[in-house]
């Protein structure tokens, strides 16, 4: 589950299939749908994936970890 409210452009990984995004896919956080004072698994976010912006729940995504392959 996504923790806190990371800034727009943050890479996120899908924890389950959501519309066209399969589990493990990477998208880009656009923005939260509203200001959330406390975290709830049902909070909604806009995420860019495959050239489209889709609405997902906080419980559907997690911040993607960067890996250094160098």
PDB file of N, CA and C in Angstrom:
ATOM      1  N   UNK A   1       0.846  -1.182   0.000  1.00  0.00           N
ATOM      2  CA  UNK A   1       0.000   0.000   0.000  1.00  0.00           C
ATOM      3  C   UNK A   1       0.888   1.240   0.000  1.00  0.00           C
ATOM      4  N   UNK A   2       0.510   2.229  -0.781  1.00  0.00           N
ATOM      5  CA  UNK A   2       1.254   3.479  -0.864  1.00  0.00           C
ATOM      6  C   UNK A   2       1.243   4.193   0.480  1.00  0.00           C
ATOM      7  N   UNK A   3       2.418   4.584   0.939  1.00  0.00           N
ATOM      8  CA  UNK A   3       2.550   5.296   2.218  1.00  0.00           C
ATOM      9  C   UNK A   3       2.709   6.778   1.968  1.00  0.00           C
ATOM     10  N   UNK A   4       2.128   7.585   2.825  1.00  0.00           N
ATOM     11  CA  UNK A   4       2.180   9.040   2.718  1.00  0.00           C
ATOM     12  C   UNK A   4       1.611   9.477   1.363  1.00  0.00           C
ATOM     13  N   UNK A   5       1.953  10.667   0.946  1.00  0.00           N
ATOM     14  CA  UNK A   5       1.525  11.183  -0.354  1.00  0.00           C
ATOM     15  C   UNK A   5       2.760  11.669  -1.091  1.00  0.00           C
ATOM     16  N   UNK A   6       3.442  10.775  -1.837  1.00  0.00           N
ATOM     17  CA  UNK A   6       4.649  11.169  -2.550  1.00  0.00           C
ATOM     18  C   UNK A   6       4.330  12.205  -3.635  1.00  0.00           C
ATOM     19  N   UNK A   7       5.335  12.943  -4.099  1.00  0.00           N
ATOM     20  CA  UNK A   7       5.103  13.996  -5.082  1.00  0.00           C
ATOM     21  C   UNK A   7       4.722  13.435  -6.454  1.00  0.00           C
ATOM     22  N   UNK A   8       4.075  14.270  -7.283  1.00  0.00           N
ATOM     23  CA  UNK A   8       3.777  13.866  -8.657  1.00  0.00           C
ATOM     24  C   UNK A   8       5.058  13.440  -9.371  1.00  0.00           C
ATOM     25  N   UNK A   9       4.938  12.457 -10.245  1.00  0.00           N
ATOM     26  CA  UNK A   9       6.094  11.947 -10.972  1.00  0.00           C
ATOM     27  C   UNK A   9       6.747  10.757 -10.307  1.00  0.00           C
ATOM     28  N   UNK A  10       6.345  10.457  -9.071  1.00  0.00           N
ATOM     29  CA  UNK A  10       6.891   9.298  -8.364  1.00  0.00           C
ATOM     30  C   UNK A  10       6.498   8.018  -9.094  1.00  0.00           C
ATOM     31  N   UNK A  11       7.464   7.151  -9.284  1.00  0.00           N
ATOM     32  CA  UNK A  11       7.173   5.846  -9.901  1.00  0.00           C
ATOM     33  C   UNK A  11       6.457   4.963  -8.886  1.00  0.00           C
ATOM     34  N   UNK A  12       5.388   4.316  -9.329  1.00  0.00           N
ATOM     35  CA  UNK A  12       4.646   3.405  -8.460  1.00  0.00           C
ATOM     36  C   UNK A  12       4.506   2.052  -9.142  1.00  0.00           C
ATOM     37  N   UNK A  13       4.464   1.018  -8.331  1.00  0.00           N
ATOM     38  CA  UNK A  13       4.310  -0.359  -8.820  1.00  0.00           C
ATOM     39  C   UNK A  13       2.926  -0.843  -8.435  1.00  0.00           C
ATOM     40  N   UNK A  14       2.241  -1.497  -9.368  1.00  0.00           N
ATOM     41  CA  UNK A  14       0.905  -2.030  -9.106  1.00  0.00           C
ATOM     42  C   UNK A  14       1.009  -3.341  -8.332  1.00  0.00           C
ATOM     43  N   UNK A  15       0.260  -3.449  -7.251  1.00  0.00           N
ATOM     44  CA  UNK A  15       0.267  -4.652  -6.418  1.00  0.00           C
ATOM     45  C   UNK A  15      -0.713  -5.706  -6.911  1.00  0.00           C
ATOM     46  N   UNK A  16      -1.622  -5.298  -7.781  1.00  0.00           N
ATOM     47  CA  UNK A  16      -2.615  -6.218  -8.367  1.00  0.00           C
ATOM     48  C   UNK A  16      -3.002  -5.672  -9.729  1.00  0.00           C
ATOM     49  N   UNK A  17      -3.703  -6.451 -10.516  1.00  0.00           N
ATOM     50  CA  UNK A  17      -4.165  -5.993 -11.824  1.00  0.00           C
ATOM     51  C   UNK A  17      -5.205  -4.894 -11.647  1.00  0.00           C
ATOM     52  N   UNK A  18      -5.005  -3.776 -12.341  1.00  0.00           N
ATOM     53  CA  UNK A  18      -5.942  -2.660 -12.317  1.00  0.00           C
ATOM     54  C   UNK A  18      -6.134  -2.203 -13.756  1.00  0.00           C
ATOM     55  N   UNK A  19      -7.303  -2.427 -14.301  1.00  0.00           N
ATOM     56  CA  UNK A  19      -7.594  -2.103 -15.691  1.00  0.00           C
ATOM     57  C   UNK A  19      -6.540  -2.724 -16.604  1.00  0.00           C
ATOM     58  N   UNK A  20      -5.794  -1.905 -17.363  1.00  0.00           N
ATOM     59  CA  UNK A  20      -4.795  -2.438 -18.298  1.00  0.00           C
ATOM     60  C   UNK A  20      -3.463  -2.759 -17.629  1.00  0.00           C
ATOM     61  N   UNK A  21      -3.267  -2.292 -16.422  1.00  0.00           N
ATOM     62  CA  UNK A  21      -2.002  -2.516 -15.721  1.00  0.00           C
ATOM     63  C   UNK A  21      -1.999  -3.878 -15.042  1.00  0.00           C
ATOM     64  N   UNK A  22      -0.989  -4.670 -15.336  1.00  0.00           N
ATOM     65  CA  UNK A  22      -0.879  -5.971 -14.683  1.00  0.00           C
ATOM     66  C   UNK A  22      -0.086  -5.830 -13.385  1.00  0.00           C
ATOM     67  N   UNK A  23      -0.212  -6.828 -12.551  1.00  0.00           N
ATOM     68  CA  UNK A  23       0.522  -6.845 -11.288  1.00  0.00           C
ATOM     69  C   UNK A  23       2.021  -6.703 -11.572  1.00  0.00           C
ATOM     70  N   UNK A  24       2.679  -5.800 -10.843  1.00  0.00           N
ATOM     71  CA  UNK A  24       4.108  -5.589 -11.000  1.00  0.00           C
ATOM     72  C   UNK A  24       4.474  -4.503 -12.003  1.00  0.00           C
ATOM     73  N   UNK A  25       3.497  -4.036 -12.783  1.00  0.00           N
ATOM     74  CA  UNK A  25       3.758  -2.965 -13.747  1.00  0.00           C
ATOM     75  C   UNK A  25       4.109  -1.674 -13.025  1.00  0.00           C
ATOM     76  N   UNK A  26       4.810  -0.791 -13.741  1.00  0.00           N
ATOM     77  CA  UNK A  26       5.227   0.495 -13.183  1.00  0.00           C
ATOM     78  C   UNK A  26       4.446   1.616 -13.866  1.00  0.00           C
ATOM     79  N   UNK A  27       3.945   2.538 -13.065  1.00  0.00           N
ATOM     80  CA  UNK A  27       3.258   3.726 -13.565  1.00  0.00           C
ATOM     81  C   UNK A  27       3.853   4.957 -12.918  1.00  0.00           C
ATOM     82  N   UNK A  28       3.297   6.122 -13.258  1.00  0.00           N
ATOM     83  CA  UNK A  28       3.797   7.382 -12.716  1.00  0.00           C
ATOM     84  C   UNK A  28       2.649   8.107 -12.018  1.00  0.00           C
ATOM     85  N   UNK A  29       2.874   8.438 -10.758  1.00  0.00           N
ATOM     86  CA  UNK A  29       1.866   9.131  -9.970  1.00  0.00           C
ATOM     87  C   UNK A  29       1.612  10.516 -10.562  1.00  0.00           C
ATOM     88  N   UNK A  30       0.332  10.836 -10.784  1.00  0.00           N
ATOM     89  CA  UNK A  30      -0.037  12.152 -11.285  1.00  0.00           C
ATOM     90  C   UNK A  30      -0.417  13.044 -10.112  1.00  0.00           C
ATOM     91  N   UNK A  31      -1.383  12.576  -9.300  1.00  0.00           N
ATOM     92  CA  UNK A  31      -1.818  13.357  -8.138  1.00  0.00           C
ATOM     93  C   UNK A  31      -2.842  12.557  -7.342  1.00  0.00           C
ATOM     94  N   UNK A  32      -3.028  12.934  -6.070  1.00  0.00           N
ATOM     95  CA  UNK A  32      -4.140  12.352  -5.307  1.00  0.00           C
ATOM     96  C   UNK A  32      -5.440  12.985  -5.793  1.00  0.00           C
ATOM     97  N   UNK A  33      -6.544  12.290  -5.681  1.00  0.00           N
ATOM     98  CA  UNK A  33      -7.837  12.824  -6.127  1.00  0.00           C
ATOM     99  C   UNK A  33      -8.324  13.943  -5.213  1.00  0.00           C
ATOM    100  N   UNK A  34      -7.864  13.951  -3.967  1.00  0.00           N
ATOM    101  CA  UNK A  34      -8.179  15.021  -3.021  1.00  0.00           C
ATOM    102  C   UNK A  34      -7.131  15.007  -1.921  1.00  0.00           C
ATOM    103  N   UNK A  35      -7.206  15.947  -0.999  1.00  0.00           N
ATOM    104  CA  UNK A  35      -6.260  15.984   0.117  1.00  0.00           C
ATOM    105  C   UNK A  35      -6.753  15.003   1.179  1.00  0.00           C
ATOM    106  N   UNK A  36      -5.870  14.098   1.594  1.00  0.00           N
ATOM    107  CA  UNK A  36      -6.221  13.098   2.604  1.00  0.00           C
ATOM    108  C   UNK A  36      -5.498  13.433   3.905  1.00  0.00           C
ATOM    109  N   UNK A  37      -6.269  13.594   4.972  1.00  0.00           N
ATOM    110  CA  UNK A  37      -5.677  13.921   6.265  1.00  0.00           C
ATOM    111  C   UNK A  37      -5.118  12.691   6.958  1.00  0.00           C
ATOM    112  N   UNK A  38      -5.715  11.552   6.709  1.00  0.00           N
ATOM    113  CA  UNK A  38      -5.212  10.278   7.227  1.00  0.00           C
ATOM    114  C   UNK A  38      -5.204   9.276   6.081  1.00  0.00           C
ATOM    115  N   UNK A  39      -4.295   8.328   6.141  1.00  0.00           N
ATOM    116  CA  UNK A  39      -4.204   7.308   5.092  1.00  0.00           C
ATOM    117  C   UNK A  39      -5.294   6.270   5.261  1.00  0.00           C
ATOM    118  N   UNK A  40      -5.943   5.950   4.155  1.00  0.00           N
ATOM    119  CA  UNK A  40      -6.976   4.935   4.127  1.00  0.00           C
ATOM    120  C   UNK A  40      -6.759   4.124   2.849  1.00  0.00           C
ATOM    121  N   UNK A  41      -6.930   2.837   2.895  1.00  0.00           N
ATOM    122  CA  UNK A  41      -6.683   1.985   1.731  1.00  0.00           C
ATOM    123  C   UNK A  41      -7.576   2.347   0.541  1.00  0.00           C
ATOM    124  N   UNK A  42      -8.693   3.016   0.792  1.00  0.00           N
ATOM    125  CA  UNK A  42      -9.631   3.383  -0.271  1.00  0.00           C
ATOM    126  C   UNK A  42      -9.322   4.739  -0.913  1.00  0.00           C
ATOM    127  N   UNK A  43      -8.320   5.485  -0.415  1.00  0.00           N
ATOM    128  CA  UNK A  43      -7.951   6.775  -1.002  1.00  0.00           C
ATOM    129  C   UNK A  43      -7.650   6.577  -2.483  1.00  0.00           C
ATOM    130  N   UNK A  44      -8.051   7.541  -3.308  1.00  0.00           N
ATOM    131  CA  UNK A  44      -7.868   7.414  -4.747  1.00  0.00           C
ATOM    132  C   UNK A  44      -6.778   8.343  -5.274  1.00  0.00           C
ATOM    133  N   UNK A  45      -6.023   7.825  -6.253  1.00  0.00           N
ATOM    134  CA  UNK A  45      -4.938   8.557  -6.896  1.00  0.00           C
ATOM    135  C   UNK A  45      -5.064   8.413  -8.404  1.00  0.00           C
ATOM    136  N   UNK A  46      -4.565   9.415  -9.117  1.00  0.00           N
ATOM    137  CA  UNK A  46      -4.461   9.325 -10.560  1.00  0.00           C
ATOM    138  C   UNK A  46      -3.051   8.874 -10.887  1.00  0.00           C
ATOM    139  N   UNK A  47      -2.948   7.850 -11.738  1.00  0.00           N
ATOM    140  CA  UNK A  47      -1.659   7.290 -12.131  1.00  0.00           C
ATOM    141  C   UNK A  47      -1.624   7.191 -13.654  1.00  0.00           C
ATOM    142  N   UNK A  48      -0.518   7.650 -14.244  1.00  0.00           N
ATOM    143  CA  UNK A  48      -0.341   7.518 -15.686  1.00  0.00           C
ATOM    144  C   UNK A  48       0.249   6.148 -15.975  1.00  0.00           C
ATOM    145  N   UNK A  49      -0.416   5.438 -16.870  1.00  0.00           N
ATOM    146  CA  UNK A  49       0.063   4.116 -17.265  1.00  0.00           C
ATOM    147  C   UNK A  49      -0.335   3.878 -18.721  1.00  0.00           C
ATOM    148  N   UNK A  50       0.619   3.531 -19.541  1.00  0.00           N
ATOM    149  CA  UNK A  50       0.332   3.224 -20.941  1.00  0.00           C
ATOM    150  C   UNK A  50      -0.275   4.384 -21.705  1.00  0.00           C
ATOM    151  N   UNK A  51       0.126   5.614 -21.364  1.00  0.00           N
ATOM    152  CA  UNK A  51      -0.381   6.783 -22.059  1.00  0.00           C
ATOM    153  C   UNK A  51      -1.749   7.255 -21.601  1.00  0.00           C
ATOM    154  N   UNK A  52      -2.299   6.594 -20.602  1.00  0.00           N
ATOM    155  CA  UNK A  52      -3.599   6.973 -20.048  1.00  0.00           C
ATOM    156  C   UNK A  52      -3.469   7.286 -18.563  1.00  0.00           C
ATOM    157  N   UNK A  53      -4.389   8.088 -18.062  1.00  0.00           N
ATOM    158  CA  UNK A  53      -4.452   8.341 -16.627  1.00  0.00           C
ATOM    159  C   UNK A  53      -5.590   7.498 -16.072  1.00  0.00           C
ATOM    160  N   UNK A  54      -5.263   6.641 -15.108  1.00  0.00           N
ATOM    161  CA  UNK A  54      -6.272   5.778 -14.504  1.00  0.00           C
ATOM    162  C   UNK A  54      -6.392   6.098 -13.020  1.00  0.00           C
ATOM    163  N   UNK A  55      -7.554   5.825 -12.467  1.00  0.00           N
ATOM    164  CA  UNK A  55      -7.824   6.039 -11.051  1.00  0.00           C
ATOM    165  C   UNK A  55      -7.573   4.727 -10.323  1.00  0.00           C
ATOM    166  N   UNK A  56      -6.732   4.792  -9.283  1.00  0.00           N
ATOM    167  CA  UNK A  56      -6.424   3.600  -8.494  1.00  0.00           C
ATOM    168  C   UNK A  56      -6.569   3.917  -7.010  1.00  0.00           C
ATOM    169  N   UNK A  57      -6.720   2.898  -6.217  1.00  0.00           N
ATOM    170  CA  UNK A  57      -6.785   3.060  -4.761  1.00  0.00           C
ATOM    171  C   UNK A  57      -5.386   2.985  -4.177  1.00  0.00           C
ATOM    172  N   UNK A  58      -5.233   3.564  -3.017  1.00  0.00           N
ATOM    173  CA  UNK A  58      -3.942   3.526  -2.313  1.00  0.00           C
ATOM    174  C   UNK A  58      -3.482   2.076  -2.140  1.00  0.00           C
ATOM    175  N   UNK A  59      -4.412   1.171  -1.878  1.00  0.00           N
ATOM    176  CA  UNK A  59      -4.066  -0.233  -1.647  1.00  0.00           C
ATOM    177  C   UNK A  59      -3.631  -0.957  -2.922  1.00  0.00           C
ATOM    178  N   UNK A  60      -3.830  -0.331  -4.097  1.00  0.00           N
ATOM    179  CA  UNK A  60      -3.451  -0.953  -5.373  1.00  0.00           C
ATOM    180  C   UNK A  60      -1.998  -0.720  -5.744  1.00  0.00           C
ATOM    181  N   UNK A  61      -1.344   0.271  -5.092  1.00  0.00           N
ATOM    182  CA  UNK A  61       0.002   0.667  -5.519  1.00  0.00           C
ATOM    183  C   UNK A  61       0.953   0.816  -4.337  1.00  0.00           C
ATOM    184  N   UNK A  62       2.241   0.790  -4.662  1.00  0.00           N
ATOM    185  CA  UNK A  62       3.296   1.031  -3.693  1.00  0.00           C
ATOM    186  C   UNK A  62       4.385   1.814  -4.428  1.00  0.00           C
ATOM    187  N   UNK A  63       5.112   2.652  -3.716  1.00  0.00           N
ATOM    188  CA  UNK A  63       6.187   3.400  -4.360  1.00  0.00           C
ATOM    189  C   UNK A  63       7.211   2.415  -4.895  1.00  0.00           C
ATOM    190  N   UNK A  64       7.606   2.588  -6.158  1.00  0.00           N
ATOM    191  CA  UNK A  64       8.568   1.692  -6.788  1.00  0.00           C
ATOM    192  C   UNK A  64       9.967   2.001  -6.280  1.00  0.00           C
ATOM    193  N   UNK A  65      10.724   0.982  -6.029  1.00  0.00           N
ATOM    194  CA  UNK A  65      12.097   1.154  -5.577  1.00  0.00           C
ATOM    195  C   UNK A  65      13.009   1.278  -6.772  1.00  0.00           C
ATOM    196  N   UNK A  66      13.967   2.184  -6.672  1.00  0.00           N
ATOM    197  CA  UNK A  66      14.962   2.344  -7.733  1.00  0.00           C
ATOM    198  C   UNK A  66      16.023   1.260  -7.554  1.00  0.00           C
ATOM    199  N   UNK A  67      16.457   0.705  -8.644  1.00  0.00           N
ATOM    200  CA  UNK A  67      17.543  -0.277  -8.568  1.00  0.00           C
ATOM    201  C   UNK A  67      18.709   0.243  -9.377  1.00  0.00           C
ATOM    202  N   UNK A  68      19.886   0.120  -8.850  1.00  0.00           N
ATOM    203  CA  UNK A  68      21.095   0.567  -9.525  1.00  0.00           C
ATOM    204  C   UNK A  68      21.719  -0.640 -10.215  1.00  0.00           C
ATOM    205  N   UNK A  69      21.718  -0.619 -11.536  1.00  0.00           N
ATOM    206  CA  UNK A  69      22.245  -1.758 -12.296  1.00  0.00           C
ATOM    207  C   UNK A  69      23.677  -1.513 -12.760  1.00  0.00           C
ATOM    208  N   UNK A  70      24.258  -0.388 -12.376  1.00  0.00           N
ATOM    209  CA  UNK A  70      25.629  -0.072 -12.811  1.00  0.00           C
ATOM    210  C   UNK A  70      26.654  -0.799 -11.965  1.00  0.00           C
TER     211      UNK A  70
END
